[in-house]
Amino acid sequence: MTTVDERPAAPAGAPRRRVNPVLALLRNSWRQLTSMRTALILLFLLAVAAIPGSVLPQRGVNPEKVNQYFVDHPDLAPQLDRIGAFEVFGSIWFSAIYLLLFTSLVGCILPRMRDHLRALRSRPPAAPKRLDRLPQHAVLESPAAADAQAIVAVLRRRRWRVEVRGNEVSAEKGYLKETGNLLFHTSLIAVLLGVALGSWYGWHGNRLLVAGAENAFCNTRQQYSEASLGPRVDSADLPPFCLTLDDFHAKFLPSGQPASFRATVSVDDTDGSKRTADFSVNSPLRLGSANVYLLGHGYAPILKYTDKYGRSQTSTVPFLTTGDVGLTGEGVAAFPDANVDPKTGKRAADQQVAFDGLYLPTAPDTAPFVASQYPTERNPAVVLVAYRGNLGLDAGIPGSVYKLDQRQVDNGKLKQVGDKKLGMGEKWTLDDGSTLEFVGTKPYVTLSVRYAPGQALLLGACVVLLAGLMGSLFGRRRRVWFRVTPPDGGSPTSGSSLVEAGGLPRTDHPGFADEFAQLVAAVGADERGDGLAREGVE
């Protein structure tokens, strides 16, 4: 089938208008990017792109788990690292989706907001010529003295926007739906801005803090176990403060489940003042722009090792909890400077000592000693395995201070020389005459220090987002018209006037028929003189 081009032909000899292909491409690309369909696709892609950040360990959150992932998956991990799977939220592809979504939302919202503001300032449209063709229609008789102003009074009491044109009244209602829709999408932009602000200018760090003044922690990047600073944050920007854990109180239910935690710390604040403060899991400690959160706690056994030459060393070693109800801890106490010959001042490379094992706050009375029975220290004990040899600390290979390097055990450079369960105050004598004494314990807490500059913006944006969503879901756009026709088409001096009404829902509104009927009844009642009383009852 052939088609006829109805566009007017260009005059003969007129130059043809040339379209710049680059500008046309940019214009079409912008239209596609700022369409609502594209925004929804990008929002879905952003959610899908965030999945690897939740499934895989991230360097900014837990670098130790990332290193362990490389050990467990030596072939897959380098491939994932090449595409930024361990730094998802800072990767180029995630940032590209993020920025495209931001641009798409802005491009979608601005034209709609302009049109919505224009609609809010405009008058309700004039009544159509045939009201009987509308979805809702009614005709009622009214007294001869009825006029449009009486109808206007009824509509305004019901919060309709009203416009009078002679004997016709136009009214509309339900702009809350579009307003809520725009607030919802604007709040999404604010959420993206809040996330970007926190990512650029925020920082956080985790630290394990043992009780005692000798273990004081100051807010420098070097003293964090793991830390992540935003691209716009330098180490010198961290607020200067120091913390010392003075005491820790924990309450547990008979089942071993935690009831409450409270840490007491001494604070050298950012303004130079000193004070004591308490904080708990749900009540962080606020230090200037930073918040200190209490994540967990455990115990640090105090072990005193005396080598075969009679030199003693005391080490307070945090044993990390394994996650069971009884707060069983795992850890290693290393003494790399042990067994130095006092005559020569030298130590053989294979004479370093370490003790690996468990700490049980409430040890069972009989074997096996593999788990604590309760999280408080009712029967504290350590179950240790002694190793002697080369700990591998001088090899320059990074490792965890809370775990023994199993590679040294596997290659025979570190050999097991005994195992023992020690109660509080008990001493263990090893095969070379050296001893290990379990002196006591100290509590420790794990802290997360954070600064999130976009937090207030995120909170406000989420509140507005929910409010806009409610308005978008429950708002209904509709219009009604009333036309007053005098008797015989002339002046209303005698007889009754006719009031014709019509209604049109602009969106799906199942209850509009009932609302229209009630509105027509209210207009009729008001024109008979008893409308005010009925409105008061309603």
Protein backbone atom coordinates (compact mmCIF):
# COMPACT_ATOMS: atom_id res chain seq x y z
CA MET A 1 0.00 0.00 0.00
CA THR A 2 1.37 3.41 -0.94
CA THR A 3 1.21 6.44 1.31
CA VAL A 4 0.89 10.07 0.40
CA ASP A 5 3.17 12.65 2.02
CA GLU A 6 0.83 15.44 3.13
CA ARG A 7 3.59 17.83 4.10
CA PRO A 8 3.69 20.98 1.92
CA ALA A 9 6.28 20.79 -0.77
CA ALA A 10 9.19 23.17 -0.58
CA PRO A 11 9.13 25.99 -3.13
CA ALA A 12 11.06 25.32 -6.26
CA GLY A 13 14.63 26.39 -5.96
CA ALA A 14 14.46 26.75 -2.15
CA PRO A 15 17.53 25.36 -0.38
CA ARG A 16 16.94 22.17 1.58
CA ARG A 17 17.40 22.45 5.33
CA ARG A 18 20.35 20.42 6.42
CA VAL A 19 20.17 18.71 9.82
CA ASN A 20 23.41 18.38 11.74
CA PRO A 21 23.69 14.62 12.41
CA VAL A 22 25.67 15.19 15.62
CA LEU A 23 23.03 17.51 17.06
CA ALA A 24 20.28 15.13 15.97
CA LEU A 25 22.06 12.24 17.68
CA LEU A 26 22.56 14.24 20.88
CA ARG A 27 18.92 15.38 20.88
CA ASN A 28 17.58 11.86 20.38
CA SER A 29 19.97 10.45 23.00
CA TRP A 30 18.83 13.06 25.52
CA ARG A 31 15.18 12.24 24.83
CA GLN A 32 15.83 8.56 25.37
CA LEU A 33 17.87 9.16 28.52
CA THR A 34 15.27 11.42 30.11
CA SER A 35 12.32 9.14 29.42
CA MET A 36 10.62 7.48 32.36
CA ARG A 37 11.22 4.05 30.86
CA THR A 38 14.98 4.65 30.82
CA ALA A 39 14.88 5.90 34.43
CA LEU A 40 13.10 2.72 35.55
CA ILE A 41 15.60 0.55 33.66
CA LEU A 42 18.54 2.38 35.25
CA LEU A 43 16.96 2.06 38.70
CA PHE A 44 16.62 -1.68 38.15
CA LEU A 45 20.24 -1.90 36.91
CA LEU A 46 21.42 -0.01 39.99
CA ALA A 47 19.68 -2.53 42.24
CA VAL A 48 21.18 -5.43 40.29
CA ALA A 49 24.65 -3.83 40.33
CA ALA A 50 24.49 -3.52 44.13
CA ILE A 51 24.04 -7.29 44.55
CA PRO A 52 27.79 -8.13 44.22
CA GLY A 53 28.50 -5.50 46.89
CA SER A 54 26.23 -7.38 49.27
CA VAL A 55 27.36 -10.90 48.36
CA LEU A 56 31.12 -10.41 47.98
CA PRO A 57 33.39 -8.94 50.69
CA GLN A 58 34.39 -5.32 50.08
CA ARG A 59 37.82 -3.82 50.73
CA GLY A 60 36.38 -0.69 52.29
CA VAL A 61 34.40 -2.75 54.82
CA ASN A 62 36.41 -5.88 55.55
CA PRO A 63 39.78 -6.20 53.77
CA GLU A 64 40.63 -9.34 55.73
CA LYS A 65 37.71 -11.22 54.21
CA VAL A 66 38.81 -10.03 50.77
CA ASN A 67 42.28 -11.49 51.38
CA GLN A 68 40.72 -14.72 52.59
CA TYR A 69 38.57 -14.84 49.45
CA PHE A 70 41.77 -14.70 47.37
CA VAL A 71 43.12 -17.63 49.38
CA ASP A 72 39.93 -19.67 49.02
CA HIS A 73 39.36 -18.87 45.32
CA PRO A 74 42.80 -18.25 43.75
CA ASP A 75 41.49 -18.52 40.17
CA LEU A 76 38.19 -16.63 40.46
CA ALA A 77 39.26 -13.81 42.77
CA PRO A 78 41.71 -12.09 40.34
CA GLN A 79 39.03 -12.10 37.62
CA LEU A 80 36.50 -10.52 39.98
CA ASP A 81 39.06 -8.01 41.18
CA ARG A 82 39.76 -6.97 37.59
CA ILE A 83 36.15 -5.79 37.19
CA GLY A 84 36.02 -4.11 40.60
CA ALA A 85 33.82 -6.70 42.31
CA PHE A 86 35.56 -6.10 45.66
CA GLU A 87 35.04 -2.33 45.39
CA VAL A 88 31.60 -2.30 43.80
CA PHE A 89 30.35 1.03 45.08
CA GLY A 90 33.49 2.82 43.94
CA SER A 91 33.83 1.10 40.57
CA ILE A 92 33.54 2.90 37.26
CA TRP A 93 30.56 0.88 36.03
CA PHE A 94 28.55 1.42 39.23
CA SER A 95 29.34 5.14 39.15
CA ALA A 96 28.28 5.30 35.49
CA ILE A 97 24.86 3.77 36.29
CA TYR A 98 24.56 6.07 39.28
CA LEU A 99 25.27 9.24 37.29
CA LEU A 100 23.07 8.19 34.37
CA LEU A 101 20.18 7.55 36.76
CA PHE A 102 20.74 10.92 38.40
CA THR A 103 20.75 12.69 35.03
CA SER A 104 17.71 10.76 33.82
CA LEU A 105 15.70 11.63 36.93
CA VAL A 106 16.59 15.31 36.65
CA GLY A 107 15.66 15.32 32.97
CA CYS A 108 12.34 13.61 33.74
CA ILE A 109 11.36 15.77 36.69
CA LEU A 110 12.15 19.30 35.52
CA PRO A 111 9.72 19.37 32.54
CA ARG A 112 7.01 17.69 34.60
CA MET A 113 7.51 20.13 37.46
CA ARG A 114 7.27 23.05 35.06
CA ASP A 115 4.01 21.71 33.61
CA HIS A 116 2.63 20.97 37.07
CA LEU A 117 3.34 24.50 38.34
CA ARG A 118 1.73 25.88 35.21
CA ALA A 119 -1.37 23.71 35.83
CA LEU A 120 -1.57 24.87 39.45
CA ARG A 121 -1.59 28.51 38.35
CA SER A 122 -4.11 27.96 35.55
CA ARG A 123 -7.87 28.23 35.98
CA PRO A 124 -10.11 25.16 35.83
CA PRO A 125 -11.21 24.64 32.22
CA ALA A 126 -14.56 25.78 30.92
CA ALA A 127 -17.50 23.39 30.91
CA PRO A 128 -17.97 21.27 27.78
CA LYS A 129 -21.03 22.02 25.67
CA ARG A 130 -22.65 18.62 26.28
CA LEU A 131 -22.40 17.71 29.99
CA ASP A 132 -24.57 14.67 29.42
CA ARG A 133 -21.74 12.98 27.55
CA LEU A 134 -19.49 12.93 30.62
CA PRO A 135 -19.10 9.75 32.72
CA GLN A 136 -21.14 11.32 35.51
CA HIS A 137 -24.17 13.48 34.82
CA ALA A 138 -27.10 14.81 36.84
CA VAL A 139 -29.90 17.39 36.51
CA LEU A 140 -31.76 18.89 39.44
CA GLU A 141 -34.35 21.61 39.91
CA SER A 142 -33.56 24.49 42.19
CA PRO A 143 -35.43 27.60 43.42
CA ALA A 144 -35.71 30.51 41.02
CA ALA A 145 -33.26 32.52 43.08
CA ALA A 146 -30.48 29.91 42.67
CA ASP A 147 -27.24 31.19 41.23
CA ALA A 148 -23.68 30.09 40.67
CA GLN A 149 -22.39 31.66 43.91
CA ALA A 150 -24.37 29.20 46.03
CA ILE A 151 -22.71 26.32 44.17
CA VAL A 152 -19.29 27.97 44.59
CA ALA A 153 -19.81 28.13 48.37
CA VAL A 154 -20.53 24.39 48.54
CA LEU A 155 -17.52 23.47 46.42
CA ARG A 156 -15.09 25.65 48.31
CA ARG A 157 -16.18 24.20 51.63
CA ARG A 158 -15.14 20.84 50.15
CA ARG A 159 -11.77 22.27 49.05
CA TRP A 160 -12.35 22.36 45.30
CA ARG A 161 -10.56 24.87 43.10
CA VAL A 162 -13.40 26.90 41.58
CA GLU A 163 -13.80 29.21 38.61
CA VAL A 164 -17.04 31.01 37.65
CA ARG A 165 -17.83 31.92 34.07
CA GLY A 166 -21.28 33.53 33.89
CA ASN A 167 -23.80 30.87 34.80
CA GLU A 168 -21.22 28.09 34.70
CA VAL A 169 -19.04 26.82 37.55
CA SER A 170 -15.88 24.80 36.88
CA ALA A 171 -14.06 22.99 39.68
CA GLU A 172 -11.21 20.55 39.94
CA LYS A 173 -9.45 18.63 42.67
CA GLY A 174 -6.72 16.03 43.16
CA TYR A 175 -3.47 17.78 42.29
CA LEU A 176 -2.00 15.95 45.28
CA LYS A 177 -1.41 12.91 43.06
CA GLU A 178 0.96 14.69 40.70
CA THR A 179 2.49 16.68 43.56
CA GLY A 180 3.18 13.45 45.46
CA ASN A 181 4.61 11.86 42.32
CA LEU A 182 7.00 14.77 41.83
CA LEU A 183 7.95 14.76 45.53
CA PHE A 184 8.67 11.04 45.29
CA HIS A 185 11.00 11.40 42.33
CA THR A 186 12.62 14.56 43.70
CA SER A 187 13.29 12.67 46.93
CA LEU A 188 15.02 9.95 44.91
CA ILE A 189 17.39 12.61 43.60
CA ALA A 190 17.94 13.84 47.17
CA VAL A 191 18.70 10.27 48.24
CA LEU A 192 21.28 9.95 45.45
CA LEU A 193 22.80 13.28 46.50
CA GLY A 194 22.95 12.14 50.12
CA VAL A 195 24.67 8.90 49.14
CA ALA A 196 27.12 10.81 46.94
CA LEU A 197 27.82 13.34 49.69
CA GLY A 198 28.49 10.57 52.20
CA SER A 199 30.67 8.72 49.71
CA TRP A 200 32.77 11.76 48.82
CA TYR A 201 33.16 13.45 52.20
CA GLY A 202 32.38 10.65 54.65
CA TRP A 203 34.77 8.27 56.37
CA HIS A 204 34.67 5.36 58.76
CA GLY A 205 37.04 3.09 60.62
CA ASN A 206 36.86 0.04 62.90
CA ARG A 207 38.95 -0.50 65.98
CA LEU A 208 39.24 -3.14 68.68
CA LEU A 209 39.87 -1.38 72.01
CA VAL A 210 41.12 -3.23 75.11
CA ALA A 211 40.47 -1.76 78.55
CA GLY A 212 43.32 0.13 80.19
CA ALA A 213 45.14 3.43 79.79
CA GLU A 214 48.04 1.69 78.02
CA ASN A 215 45.64 0.76 75.18
CA ALA A 216 44.30 4.28 74.51
CA PHE A 217 43.15 4.92 70.97
CA CYS A 218 43.50 8.22 69.10
CA ASN A 219 41.63 9.10 65.93
CA THR A 220 44.36 8.66 63.34
CA ARG A 221 44.16 6.41 60.32
CA GLN A 222 47.19 4.38 61.42
CA GLN A 223 45.45 3.28 64.62
CA TYR A 224 42.42 1.78 62.90
CA SER A 225 42.26 -1.92 62.16
CA GLU A 226 40.51 -1.00 58.94
CA ALA A 227 39.53 2.40 57.61
CA SER A 228 38.01 3.95 54.52
CA LEU A 229 38.17 7.64 53.66
CA GLY A 230 36.14 9.35 50.97
CA PRO A 231 37.90 10.70 47.88
CA ARG A 232 37.58 14.27 49.22
CA VAL A 233 38.87 13.36 52.71
CA ASP A 234 42.50 13.48 53.80
CA SER A 235 43.96 11.84 56.90
CA ALA A 236 44.58 15.29 58.35
CA ASP A 237 40.83 16.03 58.18
CA LEU A 238 39.98 13.49 60.89
CA PRO A 239 38.84 15.22 64.11
CA PRO A 240 41.42 14.91 66.92
CA PHE A 241 40.15 12.91 69.88
CA CYS A 242 41.33 9.97 72.00
CA LEU A 243 39.42 7.21 73.78
CA THR A 244 40.33 4.96 76.69
CA LEU A 245 38.08 2.07 77.68
CA ASP A 246 37.60 2.27 81.45
CA ASP A 247 34.93 -0.37 81.96
CA PHE A 248 32.40 -2.51 80.20
CA HIS A 249 29.15 -3.91 81.60
CA ALA A 250 27.09 -6.60 79.92
CA LYS A 251 23.88 -8.25 81.05
CA PHE A 252 22.67 -11.58 79.72
CA LEU A 253 19.48 -13.58 79.96
CA PRO A 254 19.59 -17.05 81.55
CA SER A 255 19.67 -18.48 78.03
CA GLY A 256 22.87 -16.56 77.29
CA GLN A 257 21.23 -14.05 74.96
CA PRO A 258 22.46 -10.48 75.51
CA ALA A 259 20.16 -8.06 77.35
CA SER A 260 22.20 -4.85 77.41
CA PHE A 261 25.73 -3.52 76.80
CA ARG A 262 27.28 -0.36 78.18
CA ALA A 263 30.82 0.92 77.74
CA THR A 264 32.46 3.60 79.89
CA VAL A 265 35.28 5.55 78.24
CA SER A 266 37.52 8.49 79.04
CA VAL A 267 37.46 11.02 76.22
CA ASP A 268 40.05 13.63 75.25
CA ASP A 269 37.64 15.65 73.14
CA THR A 270 38.22 17.68 69.99
CA ASP A 271 38.18 20.95 71.96
CA GLY A 272 40.88 19.74 74.36
CA SER A 273 38.51 18.95 77.24
CA LYS A 274 38.50 15.65 79.12
CA ARG A 275 35.40 13.83 80.25
CA THR A 276 33.91 10.42 80.98
CA ALA A 277 31.08 9.12 78.82
CA ASP A 278 28.84 6.07 78.62
CA PHE A 279 27.35 4.70 75.42
CA SER A 280 25.61 1.56 74.27
CA VAL A 281 24.58 -0.24 71.10
CA ASN A 282 21.61 1.99 70.29
CA SER A 283 23.07 5.21 71.80
CA PRO A 284 26.33 6.09 70.02
CA LEU A 285 28.93 8.41 71.45
CA ARG A 286 28.98 11.71 69.55
CA LEU A 287 32.37 13.40 69.24
CA GLY A 288 32.13 16.54 67.12
CA SER A 289 31.15 15.44 63.63
CA ALA A 290 31.91 11.76 64.29
CA ASN A 291 29.81 9.07 65.93
CA VAL A 292 31.29 6.11 67.83
CA TYR A 293 29.17 2.95 67.63
CA LEU A 294 29.51 -0.09 69.87
CA LEU A 295 29.53 -3.21 67.69
CA GLY A 296 30.54 -6.02 70.03
CA HIS A 297 32.75 -7.11 72.87
CA GLY A 298 34.88 -9.97 74.12
CA TYR A 299 37.76 -10.87 76.40
CA ALA A 300 41.53 -10.45 76.16
CA PRO A 301 43.43 -13.06 78.22
CA ILE A 302 46.60 -11.85 79.95
CA LEU A 303 49.36 -14.42 79.40
CA LYS A 304 52.82 -14.29 81.01
CA TYR A 305 55.54 -16.27 79.25
CA THR A 306 58.93 -16.94 80.89
CA ASP A 307 61.52 -18.38 78.48
CA LYS A 308 64.24 -20.88 79.31
CA TYR A 309 66.63 -18.05 80.21
CA GLY A 310 64.25 -16.68 82.83
CA ARG A 311 63.13 -13.59 80.90
CA SER A 312 59.41 -12.87 81.25
CA GLN A 313 57.02 -11.19 78.82
CA THR A 314 53.36 -10.39 79.45
CA SER A 315 50.91 -10.06 76.59
CA THR A 316 47.25 -9.01 76.64
CA VAL A 317 45.77 -10.72 73.61
CA PRO A 318 42.19 -10.15 72.36
CA PHE A 319 40.55 -13.44 71.45
CA LEU A 320 37.95 -12.80 68.75
CA THR A 321 34.55 -14.30 69.46
CA THR A 322 33.43 -17.17 67.25
CA GLY A 323 29.78 -16.07 67.23
CA ASP A 324 28.36 -18.64 69.63
CA VAL A 325 26.14 -17.77 72.58
CA GLY A 326 28.88 -18.47 75.12
CA LEU A 327 31.33 -15.89 73.62
CA THR A 328 34.01 -18.47 72.91
CA GLY A 329 37.09 -16.65 71.64
CA GLU A 330 39.85 -17.62 69.21
CA GLY A 331 43.28 -16.05 69.20
CA VAL A 332 47.03 -16.41 69.25
CA ALA A 333 49.63 -15.06 71.65
CA ALA A 334 53.00 -14.67 69.92
CA PHE A 335 56.34 -14.08 71.65
CA PRO A 336 58.80 -13.48 68.80
CA ASP A 337 61.48 -12.00 71.10
CA ALA A 338 61.65 -14.99 73.45
CA ASN A 339 64.69 -17.21 74.03
CA VAL A 340 67.35 -14.55 73.43
CA ASP A 341 70.66 -15.79 74.84
CA PRO A 342 71.73 -13.27 77.51
CA LYS A 343 75.41 -13.99 76.83
CA THR A 344 75.43 -13.48 73.07
CA GLY A 345 72.29 -11.32 72.72
CA LYS A 346 71.18 -13.51 69.85
CA ARG A 347 68.26 -15.83 69.29
CA ALA A 348 68.08 -18.76 66.97
CA ALA A 349 65.63 -18.31 64.10
CA ASP A 350 63.69 -21.40 65.16
CA GLN A 351 63.17 -20.41 68.81
CA GLN A 352 60.19 -18.10 68.46
CA VAL A 353 57.15 -19.13 70.49
CA ALA A 354 53.39 -18.78 69.96
CA PHE A 355 50.28 -20.15 71.66
CA ASP A 356 47.16 -20.71 69.59
CA GLY A 357 43.79 -21.73 70.96
CA LEU A 358 40.49 -20.83 72.61
CA TYR A 359 39.32 -18.71 75.51
CA LEU A 360 36.27 -20.00 77.38
CA PRO A 361 34.55 -17.53 79.76
CA THR A 362 32.67 -20.45 81.33
CA ALA A 363 34.58 -23.64 80.61
CA PRO A 364 32.84 -27.01 81.06
CA ASP A 365 34.02 -29.20 83.91
CA THR A 366 34.90 -32.11 81.64
CA ALA A 367 36.25 -32.49 78.13
CA PRO A 368 35.81 -31.64 75.34
CA PHE A 369 36.75 -28.02 75.94
CA VAL A 370 35.58 -26.59 72.64
CA ALA A 371 32.90 -24.05 73.60
CA SER A 372 31.95 -21.82 76.49
CA GLN A 373 28.72 -22.63 78.33
CA TYR A 374 27.86 -19.00 79.25
CA PRO A 375 29.08 -15.58 78.10
CA THR A 376 30.13 -14.28 81.55
CA GLU A 377 33.31 -15.34 83.31
CA ARG A 378 32.07 -18.00 85.70
CA ASN A 379 34.88 -20.49 85.07
CA PRO A 380 37.42 -18.80 82.76
CA ALA A 381 39.99 -20.98 81.04
CA VAL A 382 42.26 -21.03 78.00
CA VAL A 383 42.85 -24.10 75.84
CA LEU A 384 46.18 -23.56 74.07
CA VAL A 385 48.49 -25.33 71.68
CA ALA A 386 52.17 -24.33 71.95
CA TYR A 387 54.32 -23.83 68.84
CA ARG A 388 58.03 -23.22 68.57
CA GLY A 389 60.01 -22.31 65.47
CA ASN A 390 59.96 -19.53 62.87
CA LEU A 391 56.73 -17.51 63.02
CA GLY A 392 57.38 -16.02 59.57
CA LEU A 393 57.12 -12.44 60.83
CA ASP A 394 60.31 -11.40 59.04
CA ALA A 395 59.19 -12.62 55.60
CA GLY A 396 57.35 -9.39 54.79
CA ILE A 397 54.11 -11.23 54.03
CA PRO A 398 51.05 -9.48 55.52
CA GLY A 399 49.00 -11.52 57.94
CA SER A 400 46.53 -11.27 60.80
CA VAL A 401 47.71 -10.73 64.38
CA TYR A 402 44.74 -12.79 65.54
CA LYS A 403 45.66 -15.95 63.61
CA LEU A 404 48.70 -18.16 63.32
CA ASP A 405 50.32 -18.42 59.90
CA GLN A 406 49.39 -21.96 58.94
CA ARG A 407 51.86 -21.91 56.07
CA GLN A 408 54.70 -22.00 58.59
CA VAL A 409 53.09 -25.05 60.22
CA ASP A 410 52.51 -26.81 56.93
CA ASN A 411 56.10 -26.38 55.74
CA GLY A 412 57.51 -27.60 59.07
CA LYS A 413 59.10 -24.31 60.15
CA LEU A 414 56.72 -24.06 63.10
CA LYS A 415 56.25 -27.20 65.20
CA GLN A 416 53.75 -28.09 67.88
CA VAL A 417 55.39 -28.73 71.24
CA GLY A 418 52.38 -29.34 73.50
CA ASP A 419 48.85 -28.43 74.47
CA LYS A 420 47.20 -27.56 77.76
CA LYS A 421 44.03 -26.24 79.42
CA LEU A 422 44.78 -23.51 81.93
CA GLY A 423 42.43 -22.03 84.51
CA MET A 424 42.81 -18.59 86.00
CA GLY A 425 46.19 -18.38 87.80
CA GLU A 426 47.47 -21.75 86.59
CA LYS A 427 50.95 -22.24 85.12
CA TRP A 428 52.18 -24.54 82.36
CA THR A 429 55.76 -25.76 82.11
CA LEU A 430 56.92 -26.64 78.58
CA ASP A 431 59.49 -29.23 77.49
CA ASP A 432 62.41 -26.73 77.44
CA GLY A 433 61.69 -25.45 80.94
CA SER A 434 59.86 -22.30 79.85
CA THR A 435 56.51 -21.52 81.48
CA LEU A 436 53.22 -19.89 80.56
CA GLU A 437 50.89 -18.46 83.19
CA PHE A 438 47.26 -17.44 82.71
CA VAL A 439 47.23 -14.23 84.76
CA GLY A 440 43.73 -12.88 84.08
CA THR A 441 41.60 -11.10 81.48
CA LYS A 442 40.51 -7.66 80.37
CA PRO A 443 37.35 -6.78 78.46
CA TYR A 444 37.55 -5.35 74.98
CA VAL A 445 35.03 -3.70 72.66
CA THR A 446 34.88 -3.35 68.90
CA LEU A 447 34.09 0.18 67.78
CA SER A 448 33.01 1.72 64.53
CA VAL A 449 33.79 5.43 64.16
CA ARG A 450 31.84 7.07 61.35
CA TYR A 451 31.17 10.43 59.80
CA ALA A 452 28.28 10.53 57.31
CA PRO A 453 27.62 14.10 56.12
CA GLY A 454 24.68 13.05 53.96
CA GLN A 455 22.82 11.33 56.79
CA ALA A 456 20.45 14.22 57.60
CA LEU A 457 19.70 14.72 53.91
CA LEU A 458 18.97 11.01 53.51
CA LEU A 459 16.62 11.00 56.50
CA GLY A 460 14.69 14.04 55.29
CA ALA A 461 14.56 12.70 51.74
CA CYS A 462 13.18 9.34 52.90
CA VAL A 463 10.47 11.06 54.96
CA VAL A 464 9.45 13.22 51.99
CA LEU A 465 9.67 10.19 49.71
CA LEU A 466 7.16 8.27 51.83
CA ALA A 467 4.85 11.29 52.04
CA GLY A 468 5.03 11.76 48.28
CA LEU A 469 4.38 8.07 47.72
CA MET A 470 1.23 8.23 49.86
CA GLY A 471 0.00 11.26 47.92
CA SER A 472 0.77 9.58 44.62
CA LEU A 473 -1.09 6.41 45.59
CA PHE A 474 -4.16 7.94 47.19
CA GLY A 475 -4.57 11.20 45.26
CA ARG A 476 -7.25 11.23 42.56
CA ARG A 477 -7.54 13.93 39.91
CA ARG A 478 -11.15 14.86 38.99
CA ARG A 479 -13.23 17.72 37.59
CA VAL A 480 -16.86 18.76 37.91
CA TRP A 481 -18.97 21.38 36.15
CA PHE A 482 -22.29 22.98 37.02
CA ARG A 483 -24.46 24.94 34.60
CA VAL A 484 -27.41 26.99 35.93
CA THR A 485 -30.19 27.44 33.35
CA PRO A 486 -32.91 30.00 34.24
CA PRO A 487 -36.55 29.06 33.52
CA ASP A 488 -37.46 29.45 29.86
CA GLY A 489 -33.83 30.56 29.27
CA GLY A 490 -34.62 34.06 30.60
CA SER A 491 -34.28 35.92 33.87
CA PRO A 492 -35.06 33.83 36.97
CA THR A 493 -38.09 35.86 38.11
CA SER A 494 -40.47 32.96 38.47
CA GLY A 495 -40.49 29.23 38.30
CA SER A 496 -37.50 26.95 38.96
CA SER A 497 -34.02 26.93 37.47
CA LEU A 498 -32.33 23.83 36.16
CA VAL A 499 -28.85 22.91 37.46
CA GLU A 500 -27.03 20.50 35.22
CA ALA A 501 -23.91 18.83 36.58
CA GLY A 502 -21.20 16.72 34.99
CA GLY A 503 -18.14 14.98 36.38
CA LEU A 504 -14.94 13.59 34.85
CA PRO A 505 -12.29 11.56 36.74
CA ARG A 506 -8.85 12.28 35.29
CA THR A 507 -7.43 9.10 36.81
CA ASP A 508 -8.88 5.74 37.79
CA HIS A 509 -11.18 6.53 40.70
CA PRO A 510 -13.74 3.80 41.59
CA GLY A 511 -15.37 5.99 44.26
CA PHE A 512 -15.92 9.02 42.04
CA ALA A 513 -19.57 8.12 41.28
CA ASP A 514 -20.44 8.21 44.99
CA GLU A 515 -18.48 11.41 45.52
CA PHE A 516 -20.25 13.05 42.58
CA ALA A 517 -23.66 11.98 43.86
CA GLN A 518 -22.90 13.39 47.32
CA LEU A 519 -21.67 16.64 45.80
CA VAL A 520 -24.82 17.05 43.68
CA ALA A 521 -26.98 16.29 46.73
CA ALA A 522 -25.09 18.88 48.77
CA VAL A 523 -25.56 21.51 46.06
CA GLY A 524 -29.28 20.75 45.88
CA ALA A 525 -29.69 20.88 49.65
CA ASP A 526 -27.75 24.14 49.94
CA GLU A 527 -29.90 25.82 47.29
CA ARG A 528 -33.04 24.88 49.22
CA GLY A 529 -31.75 26.69 52.27
CA ASP A 530 -30.76 23.78 54.51
CA GLY A 531 -27.38 23.01 53.00
CA LEU A 532 -25.41 24.71 55.76
CA ALA A 533 -26.96 22.51 58.41
CA ARG A 534 -26.17 19.36 56.45
CA GLU A 535 -22.61 20.49 55.87
CA GLY A 536 -22.24 21.01 59.60
CA VAL A 537 -23.40 17.47 60.27
CA GLU A 538 -20.93 16.10 57.75
